[in-house]
Amino acid sequence: MNTNSDIEMNVGEASIKLLEAYGVDTVFGIPGVHTLEFCRGLNQSSIQHVQARNEQGAGFMADGYARVSGRPGVALLISGPGVTNAATAMGQAYADSIPMLVLSADAASHTLGKGWGALHEVTSLTATTAPLTAFSATAMTPEEVPALLARAFSVFCSQRPRPVHIAIPIDVLEMPASGNWEAIDLPQRPVPTSKKIERACELLRTATRPMIFVGGGAALAGEAIHEIAERLGAPVISSIAGKGIVPGTHPLSLGGGVVRTEVLQYVKQADVVLAVGTELSEVDCFGGTLEINGKIIRVDIDSYKMNDRFPAEVAVLGAAKSSCEAIAAALGDVSPRVGTAAEVAAIKQQFRTHLSASEVRHCMVLELLRETLPADTIVMADVCQLVYTGAFAFDVSAPRSWNYPGGYCTLGSALPDAIGARLARPNTPVVAFAGDGGFMFTVQELVTGAELGLALPIILWNNDGLKQIQDDMKLRDIELVGVSGINPDFMALAQACHCHAVRAETAAALRSAIHNALAADRPTLIEVGEQDAWLN
């Protein structure tokens, strides 16, 4: 092994040392008999190990860490159930293009695929995770481990970031590390060609109704997109993941308004759409239909996106930041379209005049939260109706500030995602938004947050059931089934998990609870009921 130390390490120890060399400072998981050699390595490193209470929570924590930092989140898991428990979090990270490394043990190499009933046996663990990853692989020899880790970190920094799963059998973990175990010089994201940039600029210069659509892949390109929008007089519409790339309060920004039919109708009027780092996905529209009649310029690092449901007139293959900076530099003199800001303001006003009764209540809470929370607060949101409304009614001023699993649309991510985010950005306030149903999926991670001593407000929107599905059933004249079960005493539950708990039954109580939670020595569950008197 290539190392400055004369002490020979085994593969488990050397794997942790190599993670450290790639800049990993935190891993999430639950130790087990198959990961003991990884644990030996952790004890020799500066990496923080966070003990989750379920591997699904560990996966979400790694996801949350990566979402707000842009750095890979790492889940360190046992073989078999550890990996399968985390599969949902991997699916969420895959859908939302989040860099996540799942490093796991596996059964002994001589037992794999034989069906001998080995502990934690899965016929093929990496085949199980293959559909949820950029790649999944098993290291059958010590020499394969550094090569696979190099491949993983190359994916994270130069391609469309998605989860990677690397499994190491327990006998390989105990073998002496051999070969070169140094971090490689990682590649960069692709840079667009000047020819593509000029073609894009030609379309934008001649556009009469240009629009810009941004997704999570444009998180680092905000400054250049801001410049392009103002020079063209073009409205900026974001996917859920793209909220904050241009601040929601900017006069040209419609934020996450693509969830509204008013914006879907507006998009149809565009003659040129500059789509940056976005799939232009149906899930961004909350069930509406995105129709683009104009020519599309697509800027993306994923070549597969150039000719999918919305084929590109001009396909700019490259990182969003360098591509948009190049477009801004090459655009030249252009007369901005007049009247766009007024159109944007009128559409935002339509949002407010076309609210349902539930959305009116949501907006009351969201406006209070926006007024009370610091401007730079990071929101980690779960699947619930309060969050659906927040897509267009809660402004954020920076990218990676509004995080919601809109693609995979899983329940239970908010709390563990927020724990991961809080560790990745310790000097930035983080808040979790969750519904009463989804919160129960990962409620045990309250203990993890308490153990870490994290100041973390958790806004629990309690509408006593799976309200969205109740509404959908009623619309289709289906008798309610399975959507109205009883809830626990959330205050007692949070306190039993060593957290603070507040039932906010007035606006003043909610404001006070948030202020206190941001300065607390552990998470605070703040329950708000949809039927509370101050909201009705």
Protein backbone atom coordinates (compact mmCIF):
# COMPACT_ATOMS: atom_id res chain seq x y z
CA MET A 1 0.00 0.00 0.00
CA ASN A 2 1.28 3.48 -0.88
CA THR A 3 1.27 5.30 2.47
CA ASN A 4 3.62 7.35 4.64
CA SER A 5 3.00 4.98 7.55
CA ASP A 6 4.85 1.74 8.18
CA ILE A 7 1.74 0.25 9.76
CA GLU A 8 -0.08 -2.10 7.43
CA MET A 9 -3.80 -1.40 7.23
CA ASN A 10 -6.55 -3.73 6.15
CA VAL A 11 -9.05 -2.79 3.46
CA GLY A 12 -11.67 -1.55 5.92
CA GLU A 13 -9.22 0.83 7.55
CA ALA A 14 -7.70 1.96 4.26
CA SER A 15 -11.15 2.63 2.76
CA ILE A 16 -11.90 5.12 5.54
CA LYS A 17 -8.48 6.75 5.12
CA LEU A 18 -9.15 7.13 1.39
CA LEU A 19 -12.58 8.69 2.04
CA GLU A 20 -10.77 11.20 4.24
CA ALA A 21 -8.35 11.94 1.39
CA TYR A 22 -11.34 12.72 -0.86
CA GLY A 23 -12.56 15.29 1.68
CA VAL A 24 -15.25 13.27 3.45
CA ASP A 25 -15.78 14.58 6.99
CA THR A 26 -19.05 12.86 7.99
CA VAL A 27 -20.62 9.45 7.41
CA PHE A 28 -24.06 8.23 8.44
CA GLY A 29 -25.02 4.70 9.41
CA ILE A 30 -25.56 2.01 12.03
CA PRO A 31 -22.58 -0.25 12.79
CA GLY A 32 -23.04 -3.98 12.50
CA VAL A 33 -20.97 -7.11 12.65
CA HIS A 34 -20.16 -6.79 8.94
CA THR A 35 -18.83 -3.22 9.23
CA LEU A 36 -16.48 -3.68 12.19
CA GLU A 37 -13.34 -3.15 10.08
CA PHE A 38 -14.78 0.10 8.75
CA CYS A 39 -15.32 1.11 12.39
CA ARG A 40 -11.71 0.31 13.19
CA GLY A 41 -10.76 2.77 10.46
CA LEU A 42 -13.18 5.42 11.74
CA ASN A 43 -11.47 5.31 15.12
CA GLN A 44 -8.20 6.22 13.38
CA SER A 45 -9.68 9.09 11.35
CA SER A 46 -11.14 12.57 11.81
CA ILE A 47 -14.40 11.55 10.11
CA GLN A 48 -17.52 11.99 12.23
CA HIS A 49 -19.77 8.96 12.36
CA VAL A 50 -23.45 9.80 12.93
CA GLN A 51 -25.52 6.96 14.33
CA ALA A 52 -28.92 6.93 12.68
CA ARG A 53 -31.81 4.92 14.14
CA ASN A 54 -32.69 3.30 10.82
CA GLU A 55 -30.61 2.98 7.68
CA GLN A 56 -33.34 4.78 5.74
CA GLY A 57 -32.65 7.73 8.02
CA ALA A 58 -28.92 7.37 7.39
CA GLY A 59 -29.54 7.50 3.65
CA PHE A 60 -31.72 10.59 3.95
CA MET A 61 -29.12 12.27 6.18
CA ALA A 62 -26.47 11.66 3.52
CA ASP A 63 -28.92 13.03 0.93
CA GLY A 64 -29.58 16.15 2.99
CA TYR A 65 -25.88 16.71 3.60
CA ALA A 66 -25.22 16.59 -0.14
CA ARG A 67 -28.26 18.67 -1.16
CA VAL A 68 -27.17 21.77 0.72
CA SER A 69 -23.40 21.45 0.37
CA GLY A 70 -22.92 20.07 -3.12
CA ARG A 71 -20.42 17.63 -1.62
CA PRO A 72 -21.05 13.87 -1.64
CA GLY A 73 -23.04 12.56 1.32
CA VAL A 74 -21.82 9.18 2.55
CA ALA A 75 -23.86 6.35 4.08
CA LEU A 76 -21.78 3.57 5.64
CA LEU A 77 -24.02 0.50 5.88
CA ILE A 78 -24.12 -3.17 6.70
CA SER A 79 -24.82 -5.68 3.96
CA GLY A 80 -28.31 -6.92 3.18
CA PRO A 81 -30.94 -5.06 5.24
CA GLY A 82 -28.71 -2.03 5.80
CA VAL A 83 -28.59 -1.40 2.06
CA THR A 84 -32.19 -2.34 1.35
CA ASN A 85 -33.40 -0.09 4.20
CA ALA A 86 -31.54 2.79 2.55
CA ALA A 87 -32.85 2.04 -0.94
CA THR A 88 -35.65 4.62 -0.72
CA ALA A 89 -33.17 7.38 0.09
CA MET A 90 -31.04 6.23 -2.83
CA GLY A 91 -34.06 6.44 -5.11
CA GLN A 92 -34.73 9.98 -3.93
CA ALA A 93 -31.11 11.01 -4.53
CA TYR A 94 -31.18 9.41 -7.98
CA ALA A 95 -34.36 11.24 -8.97
CA ASP A 96 -33.01 14.60 -7.79
CA SER A 97 -29.40 14.22 -9.03
CA ILE A 98 -27.78 14.21 -5.59
CA PRO A 99 -24.20 12.91 -5.09
CA MET A 100 -24.43 10.10 -2.53
CA LEU A 101 -21.93 7.34 -1.83
CA VAL A 102 -23.34 4.20 -0.25
CA LEU A 103 -20.38 2.19 1.00
CA SER A 104 -21.44 -1.16 2.37
CA ALA A 105 -20.18 -4.52 3.46
CA ASP A 106 -21.30 -7.71 1.77
CA ALA A 107 -21.25 -11.38 2.66
CA ALA A 108 -17.97 -13.24 2.24
CA SER A 109 -16.86 -13.31 -1.38
CA HIS A 110 -16.86 -17.12 -1.67
CA THR A 111 -20.56 -17.23 -0.67
CA LEU A 112 -21.90 -14.62 -3.10
CA GLY A 113 -24.64 -15.86 -5.40
CA LYS A 114 -24.56 -19.39 -4.02
CA GLY A 115 -27.68 -19.27 -1.84
CA TRP A 116 -25.99 -20.84 1.17
CA GLY A 117 -27.95 -18.75 3.66
CA ALA A 118 -25.06 -16.50 4.67
CA LEU A 119 -25.80 -13.69 7.12
CA HIS A 120 -27.55 -10.73 5.39
CA GLU A 121 -27.51 -12.68 2.14
CA VAL A 122 -28.90 -11.07 -1.00
CA THR A 123 -28.58 -12.88 -4.33
CA SER A 124 -26.78 -9.85 -5.72
CA LEU A 125 -26.60 -6.77 -3.52
CA THR A 126 -25.30 -4.48 -6.24
CA ALA A 127 -27.91 -5.72 -8.71
CA THR A 128 -30.50 -4.64 -6.14
CA THR A 129 -29.17 -1.08 -6.14
CA ALA A 130 -28.24 -0.82 -9.82
CA PRO A 131 -31.50 0.88 -10.92
CA LEU A 132 -31.02 3.52 -8.19
CA THR A 133 -27.42 4.45 -8.92
CA ALA A 134 -25.02 5.84 -11.50
CA PHE A 135 -23.23 2.53 -10.98
CA SER A 136 -23.04 -0.20 -8.36
CA ALA A 137 -20.15 -2.61 -8.02
CA THR A 138 -18.63 -5.19 -5.69
CA ALA A 139 -14.89 -5.05 -4.94
CA MET A 140 -13.72 -8.67 -5.02
CA THR A 141 -10.06 -7.83 -4.31
CA PRO A 142 -8.31 -5.10 -2.31
CA GLU A 143 -6.92 -3.55 -5.49
CA GLU A 144 -10.41 -2.87 -6.83
CA VAL A 145 -11.46 -0.64 -3.92
CA PRO A 146 -9.41 2.51 -4.69
CA ALA A 147 -10.30 2.23 -8.38
CA LEU A 148 -14.00 2.06 -7.60
CA LEU A 149 -13.82 4.98 -5.17
CA ALA A 150 -11.95 7.01 -7.79
CA ARG A 151 -14.70 6.22 -10.29
CA ALA A 152 -17.38 7.26 -7.78
CA PHE A 153 -15.83 10.62 -6.96
CA SER A 154 -15.24 11.23 -10.67
CA VAL A 155 -18.97 10.78 -11.26
CA PHE A 156 -19.78 13.21 -8.46
CA CYS A 157 -17.56 16.00 -9.74
CA SER A 158 -17.75 15.67 -13.53
CA GLN A 159 -21.05 14.03 -14.52
CA ARG A 160 -24.68 14.29 -13.59
CA PRO A 161 -24.36 13.52 -9.88
CA ARG A 162 -26.24 10.47 -8.73
CA PRO A 163 -25.79 7.84 -6.03
CA VAL A 164 -23.05 5.22 -6.26
CA HIS A 165 -23.05 1.95 -4.33
CA ILE A 166 -19.80 0.11 -3.63
CA ALA A 167 -19.97 -3.17 -1.70
CA ILE A 168 -16.93 -4.84 -0.13
CA PRO A 169 -17.27 -8.47 1.09
CA ILE A 170 -16.33 -9.00 4.72
CA ASP A 171 -13.34 -11.22 3.89
CA VAL A 172 -11.97 -8.57 1.54
CA LEU A 173 -12.41 -5.93 4.28
CA GLU A 174 -10.03 -7.93 6.46
CA MET A 175 -7.35 -8.39 3.78
CA PRO A 176 -4.21 -6.23 3.77
CA ALA A 177 -4.62 -3.14 1.63
CA SER A 178 -2.38 -3.32 -1.41
CA GLY A 179 -1.76 -1.14 -4.44
CA ASN A 180 -2.07 2.64 -4.74
CA TRP A 181 -4.54 4.03 -2.20
CA GLU A 182 -4.22 7.72 -2.94
CA ALA A 183 -6.96 10.11 -4.04
CA ILE A 184 -6.76 10.81 -7.76
CA ASP A 185 -6.79 14.22 -9.43
CA LEU A 186 -10.50 14.45 -10.19
CA PRO A 187 -11.83 15.54 -13.59
CA GLN A 188 -13.89 18.67 -14.17
CA ARG A 189 -17.35 19.09 -15.63
CA PRO A 190 -17.49 19.55 -19.42
CA VAL A 191 -17.13 23.02 -20.93
CA PRO A 192 -19.43 23.92 -23.86
CA THR A 193 -18.10 24.59 -27.35
CA SER A 194 -18.06 28.16 -28.66
CA LYS A 195 -20.16 27.07 -31.65
CA LYS A 196 -23.00 25.92 -29.40
CA ILE A 197 -22.80 29.08 -27.33
CA GLU A 198 -23.07 31.28 -30.42
CA ARG A 199 -26.06 29.32 -31.74
CA ALA A 200 -27.79 29.73 -28.40
CA CYS A 201 -27.08 33.47 -28.43
CA GLU A 202 -28.46 33.81 -31.96
CA LEU A 203 -31.79 32.36 -30.85
CA LEU A 204 -31.92 34.53 -27.72
CA ARG A 205 -31.10 37.75 -29.62
CA THR A 206 -33.98 37.23 -32.04
CA ALA A 207 -36.52 36.04 -29.45
CA THR A 208 -39.59 38.21 -28.92
CA ARG A 209 -40.85 36.33 -25.84
CA PRO A 210 -37.83 34.61 -24.25
CA MET A 211 -38.22 32.66 -21.03
CA ILE A 212 -35.70 30.97 -18.75
CA PHE A 213 -36.41 27.71 -16.94
CA VAL A 214 -33.95 26.63 -14.26
CA GLY A 215 -33.58 23.40 -12.30
CA GLY A 216 -31.38 22.12 -9.53
CA GLY A 217 -28.53 21.57 -11.96
CA ALA A 218 -28.23 25.34 -12.30
CA ALA A 219 -27.49 25.93 -8.60
CA LEU A 220 -24.03 27.40 -9.25
CA ALA A 221 -25.10 29.50 -12.24
CA GLY A 222 -27.36 32.00 -10.49
CA GLU A 223 -25.28 35.11 -11.13
CA ALA A 224 -24.99 34.47 -14.88
CA ILE A 225 -28.68 33.51 -15.19
CA HIS A 226 -29.62 36.69 -13.33
CA GLU A 227 -27.60 38.71 -15.86
CA ILE A 228 -29.08 36.94 -18.89
CA ALA A 229 -32.62 37.41 -17.59
CA GLU A 230 -32.21 41.13 -17.03
CA ARG A 231 -30.52 41.72 -20.38
CA LEU A 232 -33.28 39.85 -22.22
CA GLY A 233 -36.15 41.01 -20.02
CA ALA A 234 -36.99 37.31 -19.66
CA PRO A 235 -39.02 35.78 -16.81
CA VAL A 236 -37.29 33.08 -14.79
CA ILE A 237 -39.33 30.01 -13.84
CA SER A 238 -37.82 27.38 -11.59
CA SER A 239 -38.46 23.77 -10.87
CA ILE A 240 -38.85 22.86 -7.21
CA ALA A 241 -35.12 22.14 -7.02
CA GLY A 242 -34.32 25.42 -8.78
CA LYS A 243 -36.03 27.75 -6.29
CA GLY A 244 -33.72 30.55 -5.18
CA ILE A 245 -31.29 30.41 -8.10
CA VAL A 246 -32.83 33.76 -8.92
CA PRO A 247 -34.36 35.11 -5.67
CA GLY A 248 -38.12 34.69 -5.45
CA THR A 249 -38.50 38.42 -4.76
CA HIS A 250 -36.80 39.47 -8.01
CA PRO A 251 -39.30 41.20 -10.32
CA LEU A 252 -38.56 38.72 -13.12
CA SER A 253 -38.81 35.62 -10.93
CA LEU A 254 -41.85 33.35 -10.82
CA GLY A 255 -40.02 31.07 -8.38
CA GLY A 256 -41.49 27.59 -8.27
CA GLY A 257 -44.68 28.80 -9.90
CA VAL A 258 -44.61 26.08 -12.56
CA VAL A 259 -46.87 24.17 -10.16
CA ARG A 260 -49.62 26.68 -11.05
CA THR A 261 -51.81 26.53 -14.16
CA GLU A 262 -51.32 30.29 -14.61
CA VAL A 263 -47.61 29.72 -15.24
CA LEU A 264 -48.19 26.67 -17.44
CA GLN A 265 -50.36 28.86 -19.68
CA TYR A 266 -47.70 31.58 -19.65
CA VAL A 267 -44.98 29.17 -20.78
CA LYS A 268 -46.98 28.37 -23.92
CA GLN A 269 -46.44 31.96 -25.10
CA ALA A 270 -42.63 31.71 -25.19
CA ASP A 271 -40.94 31.62 -28.58
CA VAL A 272 -37.54 30.66 -27.07
CA VAL A 273 -36.97 28.83 -23.78
CA LEU A 274 -33.52 28.64 -22.22
CA ALA A 275 -33.68 25.52 -20.02
CA VAL A 276 -30.72 25.19 -17.66
CA GLY A 277 -30.04 22.13 -15.51
CA THR A 278 -33.61 20.87 -15.57
CA GLU A 279 -35.42 17.78 -16.80
CA LEU A 280 -38.53 19.84 -17.61
CA SER A 281 -40.28 17.09 -15.72
CA GLU A 282 -43.96 16.42 -15.19
CA VAL A 283 -43.38 16.17 -11.43
CA ASP A 284 -42.42 19.85 -11.36
CA CYS A 285 -45.94 20.70 -12.49
CA PHE A 286 -47.79 18.81 -9.71
CA GLY A 287 -49.91 16.93 -12.21
CA GLY A 288 -50.33 19.71 -14.76
CA THR A 289 -49.08 19.46 -18.30
CA LEU A 290 -46.00 21.39 -19.38
CA GLU A 291 -46.33 22.49 -23.00
CA ILE A 292 -43.52 24.36 -24.73
CA ASN A 293 -44.35 25.74 -28.16
CA GLY A 294 -41.15 27.71 -28.71
CA LYS A 295 -37.65 26.62 -29.58
CA ILE A 296 -35.65 25.17 -26.70
CA ILE A 297 -32.03 25.78 -25.77
CA ARG A 298 -31.00 23.09 -23.32
CA VAL A 299 -27.95 23.54 -21.09
CA ASP A 300 -27.09 20.33 -19.25
CA ILE A 301 -24.25 17.98 -18.38
CA ASP A 302 -26.48 15.00 -19.16
CA SER A 303 -26.46 14.31 -22.88
CA TYR A 304 -29.58 12.14 -22.56
CA LYS A 305 -31.65 15.23 -21.73
CA MET A 306 -31.01 16.84 -25.11
CA ASN A 307 -33.45 14.69 -27.05
CA ASP A 308 -36.05 13.49 -24.60
CA ARG A 309 -39.66 14.65 -24.27
CA PHE A 310 -38.52 18.20 -25.10
CA PRO A 311 -35.87 17.95 -27.86
CA ALA A 312 -33.34 20.77 -28.00
CA GLU A 313 -33.09 23.17 -30.93
CA VAL A 314 -29.65 23.96 -29.52
CA ALA A 315 -28.00 21.41 -27.21
CA VAL A 316 -25.32 22.95 -25.00
CA LEU A 317 -23.48 20.11 -23.29
CA GLY A 318 -21.63 21.55 -20.35
CA ALA A 319 -21.73 22.63 -16.74
CA ALA A 320 -24.46 25.20 -16.06
CA LYS A 321 -22.12 27.80 -14.56
CA SER A 322 -19.54 27.85 -17.34
CA SER A 323 -22.22 27.57 -20.03
CA CYS A 324 -24.35 30.44 -18.72
CA GLU A 325 -21.29 32.61 -18.15
CA ALA A 326 -20.29 31.98 -21.76
CA ILE A 327 -23.79 32.86 -23.00
CA ALA A 328 -23.81 36.06 -20.94
CA ALA A 329 -20.40 37.04 -22.33
CA ALA A 330 -21.31 36.29 -25.96
CA LEU A 331 -24.85 37.66 -25.98
CA GLY A 332 -23.77 41.16 -26.99
CA ASP A 333 -26.18 44.07 -27.40
CA VAL A 334 -29.82 43.11 -27.05
CA SER A 335 -32.91 45.14 -26.28
CA PRO A 336 -34.70 43.74 -23.23
CA ARG A 337 -38.34 42.85 -23.64
CA VAL A 338 -40.52 45.51 -22.04
CA GLY A 339 -43.39 44.67 -19.70
CA THR A 340 -42.15 41.34 -18.36
CA ALA A 341 -42.02 42.47 -14.73
CA ALA A 342 -45.63 43.62 -14.93
CA GLU A 343 -46.68 40.25 -16.39
CA VAL A 344 -44.86 38.41 -13.60
CA ALA A 345 -46.50 40.59 -10.94
CA ALA A 346 -49.93 39.99 -12.46
CA ILE A 347 -49.41 36.21 -12.47
CA LYS A 348 -48.30 36.26 -8.85
CA GLN A 349 -51.44 38.18 -7.99
CA GLN A 350 -53.50 35.51 -9.75
CA PHE A 351 -51.89 32.93 -7.46
CA ARG A 352 -53.37 34.76 -4.49
CA THR A 353 -56.84 35.17 -5.96
CA HIS A 354 -57.18 31.51 -6.99
CA LEU A 355 -56.36 29.80 -3.70
CA SER A 356 -58.37 26.94 -2.24
CA ALA A 357 -59.56 27.14 1.37
CA SER A 358 -56.68 24.90 2.47
CA GLU A 359 -54.16 26.96 0.51
CA VAL A 360 -55.37 30.13 2.25
CA ARG A 361 -54.51 28.50 5.58
CA HIS A 362 -51.18 27.29 4.23
CA CYS A 363 -50.31 30.82 3.08
CA MET A 364 -51.09 32.25 6.50
CA VAL A 365 -48.59 29.87 8.08
CA LEU A 366 -46.01 30.21 5.32
CA GLU A 367 -46.09 34.01 5.46
CA LEU A 368 -45.59 33.93 9.22
CA LEU A 369 -42.72 31.48 8.83
CA ARG A 370 -41.09 33.60 6.13
CA GLU A 371 -41.35 36.71 8.31
CA THR A 372 -39.97 34.92 11.37
CA LEU A 373 -37.21 32.71 9.99
CA PRO A 374 -33.85 34.27 9.03
CA ALA A 375 -33.57 35.08 5.32
CA ASP A 376 -30.86 32.47 4.76
CA THR A 377 -32.78 29.60 6.38
CA ILE A 378 -32.56 26.26 4.58
CA VAL A 379 -35.87 24.40 4.31
CA MET A 380 -35.88 20.61 4.18
CA ALA A 381 -39.43 19.69 3.25
CA ASP A 382 -41.44 16.50 3.21
CA VAL A 383 -44.40 15.52 1.06
CA CYS A 384 -47.37 17.40 2.51
CA GLN A 385 -49.91 19.99 1.40
CA LEU A 386 -48.21 22.84 3.26
CA VAL A 387 -45.12 22.19 1.15
CA TYR A 388 -47.09 21.94 -2.09
CA THR A 389 -48.31 25.47 -1.49
CA GLY A 390 -44.85 26.58 -0.40
CA ALA A 391 -43.52 25.78 -3.86
CA PHE A 392 -45.05 29.05 -5.08
CA ALA A 393 -45.86 30.86 -1.82
CA PHE A 394 -42.57 30.68 0.12
CA ASP A 395 -39.78 32.78 -1.37
CA VAL A 396 -36.14 31.85 -0.90
CA SER A 397 -33.19 34.00 -1.86
CA ALA A 398 -30.44 31.46 -2.53
CA PRO A 399 -30.10 28.13 -4.31
CA ARG A 400 -30.30 24.91 -2.29
CA SER A 401 -32.52 26.70 0.24
CA TRP A 402 -35.77 24.90 -0.62
CA ASN A 403 -35.39 21.13 -0.69
CA TYR A 404 -38.32 18.86 -1.39
CA PRO A 405 -38.29 15.32 -2.88
CA GLY A 406 -40.62 16.20 -5.74
CA GLY A 407 -39.26 13.64 -8.17
CA TYR A 408 -39.33 10.45 -6.15
CA CYS A 409 -42.00 11.95 -3.87
CA THR A 410 -41.23 9.77 -0.89
CA LEU A 411 -42.57 10.37 2.60
CA GLY A 412 -40.36 10.74 5.65
CA SER A 413 -37.33 12.56 4.29
CA ALA A 414 -37.67 15.97 5.96
CA LEU A 415 -36.34 15.25 9.47
CA PRO A 416 -33.27 13.14 8.54
CA ASP A 417 -32.59 15.38 5.53
CA ALA A 418 -32.58 18.35 7.92
CA ILE A 419 -30.14 16.61 10.26
CA GLY A 420 -27.77 16.01 7.35
CA ALA A 421 -28.17 19.60 6.18
CA ARG A 422 -27.54 20.98 9.66
CA LEU A 423 -24.26 19.06 9.87
CA ALA A 424 -23.17 20.13 6.39
CA ARG A 425 -23.97 23.82 7.01
CA PRO A 426 -23.54 24.27 10.78
CA ASN A 427 -23.58 28.07 10.63
CA THR A 428 -26.83 28.31 8.64
CA PRO A 429 -30.29 27.87 10.18
CA VAL A 430 -32.20 24.81 8.98
CA VAL A 431 -35.89 24.05 9.41
CA ALA A 432 -37.91 20.94 8.55
CA PHE A 433 -41.47 21.06 7.19
CA ALA A 434 -43.42 17.80 7.52
CA GLY A 435 -46.97 16.50 7.58
CA ASP A 436 -48.34 14.28 10.32
CA GLY A 437 -48.38 11.22 8.07
CA GLY A 438 -44.91 11.52 6.57
CA PHE A 439 -43.32 12.48 9.87
CA MET A 440 -44.12 9.03 11.29
CA PHE A 441 -41.91 7.32 8.68
CA THR A 442 -38.68 8.50 10.31
CA VAL A 443 -39.79 9.88 13.69
CA GLN A 444 -37.08 7.84 15.42
CA GLU A 445 -34.44 10.20 14.02
CA LEU A 446 -35.56 12.75 16.62
CA VAL A 447 -33.26 10.79 18.92
CA THR A 448 -30.37 11.30 16.52
CA GLY A 449 -30.99 15.04 16.41
CA ALA A 450 -31.20 15.21 20.19
CA GLU A 451 -28.02 13.20 20.60
CA LEU A 452 -26.21 15.64 18.30
CA GLY A 453 -27.62 18.65 20.16
CA LEU A 454 -28.92 20.29 16.98
CA ALA A 455 -31.00 23.46 17.07
CA LEU A 456 -33.62 22.37 14.57
CA PRO A 457 -37.22 23.61 14.35
CA ILE A 458 -39.55 20.96 12.90
CA ILE A 459 -42.84 22.41 11.69
CA LEU A 460 -45.38 19.59 11.88
CA TRP A 461 -48.44 20.41 9.77
CA ASN A 462 -51.16 18.26 11.30
CA ASN A 463 -54.29 17.76 9.20
CA ASP A 464 -55.12 14.43 10.87
CA GLY A 465 -54.56 12.13 7.95
CA LEU A 466 -53.19 11.76 4.46
CA LYS A 467 -55.09 14.86 3.37
CA GLN A 468 -53.95 15.04 -0.24
CA ILE A 469 -55.04 11.47 -0.90
CA GLN A 470 -58.30 12.10 0.95
CA ASP A 471 -58.93 15.04 -1.40
CA ASP A 472 -58.02 12.95 -4.45
CA MET A 473 -60.39 10.17 -3.39
CA LYS A 474 -63.22 12.63 -2.90
CA LEU A 475 -62.65 14.13 -6.35
CA ARG A 476 -62.98 10.66 -7.88
CA ASP A 477 -65.97 9.74 -5.73
CA ILE A 478 -64.00 7.03 -3.90
CA GLU A 479 -64.98 6.21 -0.34
CA LEU A 480 -62.06 7.00 1.98
CA VAL A 481 -59.88 3.99 2.73
CA GLY A 482 -56.60 3.85 4.63
CA VAL A 483 -56.09 7.61 4.88
CA SER A 484 -57.59 8.56 8.26
CA GLY A 485 -55.75 6.60 10.95
CA ILE A 486 -55.17 7.87 14.47
CA ASN A 487 -52.10 9.93 15.37
CA PRO A 488 -49.92 9.70 18.48
CA ASP A 489 -49.60 12.46 21.03
CA PHE A 490 -46.87 14.28 19.13
CA MET A 491 -45.85 16.39 22.12
CA ALA A 492 -45.32 13.35 24.33
CA LEU A 493 -43.61 11.47 21.50
CA ALA A 494 -41.09 14.27 20.87
CA GLN A 495 -40.36 14.63 24.58
CA ALA A 496 -39.84 10.87 24.89
CA CYS A 497 -37.20 11.25 22.16
CA HIS A 498 -35.39 13.89 24.26
CA CYS A 499 -36.60 16.82 22.14
CA HIS A 500 -38.52 19.99 22.95
CA ALA A 501 -42.17 20.14 21.89
CA VAL A 502 -44.61 23.03 21.42
CA ARG A 503 -48.25 23.03 20.34
CA ALA A 504 -48.52 26.40 18.52
CA GLU A 505 -52.23 27.31 18.69
CA THR A 506 -51.81 31.02 17.89
CA ALA A 507 -49.68 33.08 15.55
CA ALA A 508 -47.80 34.54 18.49
CA ALA A 509 -47.10 31.07 19.88
CA LEU A 510 -45.72 29.95 16.53
CA ARG A 511 -43.40 32.96 16.29
CA SER A 512 -42.17 32.43 19.82
CA ALA A 513 -41.62 28.71 19.26
CA ILE A 514 -39.52 29.35 16.15
CA HIS A 515 -37.32 31.93 17.90
CA ASN A 516 -36.74 29.57 20.81
CA ALA A 517 -36.12 26.55 18.57
CA LEU A 518 -33.40 28.33 16.59
CA ALA A 519 -31.45 28.84 19.81
CA ALA A 520 -32.26 25.54 21.51
CA ASP A 521 -29.90 22.75 22.54
CA ARG A 522 -31.82 20.08 20.63
CA PRO A 523 -34.58 19.77 17.99
CA THR A 524 -37.99 21.30 18.70
CA LEU A 525 -41.18 19.79 17.30
CA ILE A 526 -43.68 22.60 16.63
CA GLU A 527 -47.16 21.25 15.90
CA VAL A 528 -49.62 23.39 13.93
CA GLY A 529 -53.13 22.09 13.30
CA GLU A 530 -54.95 22.89 10.08
CA GLN A 531 -58.18 23.28 12.05
CA ASP A 532 -56.73 25.60 14.69
CA ALA A 533 -58.95 28.62 15.36
CA TRP A 534 -56.40 31.23 14.26
CA LEU A 535 -56.31 29.70 10.77
CA ASN A 536 -60.07 29.48 10.30
